[in-house]
Amino acid sequence: MDATPSPLSPDAPLRRDSHEGEGATRGTARMEAFADGVFAIAFTLPVFNIVMPTLGGRGSDLGSDLLAGWPHHLGYLIASLIIALYWVHHHFSGAIYRTTGHSFLLATALFLTMIGYIAFPVRAFAESIPHPGALPDAARFLSVALALTSLSWLTKWSVGRHFGHVDDRLDPAYVDRLTRTYRRMSAWNVAAALIAWVDWRIGLAMSAAGLLAKLKPPETPRYCTEAPVIEGEA
């Protein structure tokens, strides 16, 4: 008996003309490989902001010099946390998207732009902590950057869903719940950025709370049909 899936089956090979006017339809492998490369670079670069103190004489002041550089270490830890949390959720989204197209790739590039940039406002904030006069503006800068990063994630999701790149085997109610979750996350971060201009401490605390909320694992994907085989399994 011929086991070849029907062209209408969700398990059928992808057609390159499935999204008319969007260029060739392709799988997500190349997009995920490129995104992982961006994440890897973004995750690595902040460590170069940690400056090794100059050793003079016997180097007996090294301990105090290292302690004096604590803002650099703090900036590295915060930037690594932000990038790592977004990578974890981006990795999860590999189970959600099934295809890519022109607009979706552009939206993904916008999101990756913010991932590559986020370490700079983090550095500005961390290095401003010893300088009270600069701290409010640095905190607002970081809150705005986190809001823009969250909005870029929502944009990527919205564009991918609009152009049909979300796996059509998923339960529509599950997809709707993801949409509401991402909208709430973005609204929270935008509100935090706006409040930061009134009280930077409250705004920054809200931004931090929104970020830490990403520690909660996302809901397991729900499928209307049999779930696809996980990559690497027989």
Foldseek 3Di string as FASTA:
>chain_A
DDPQDDPPDLPHDDALCPQPPFGGKFFCVVVLVVLVVLLVCLLPPLVVQQDQDDADDPSPCRVVVNVVSVLSVQLNVVLNLLSVLVVVVVVVCSLWFTIDTRQLSVLSVQLSVLNNVLSVLSSQQSVCVVPVVSNLVSLLSNLVSLLSNLVSVLSSLVVCVVSPRTRPQFDVVLSVVVNVVSVVLNVQSVVLSVCSVVPSVSSSVSSVVSSVVSVDDDDDTHGPDDRDDDPPDD
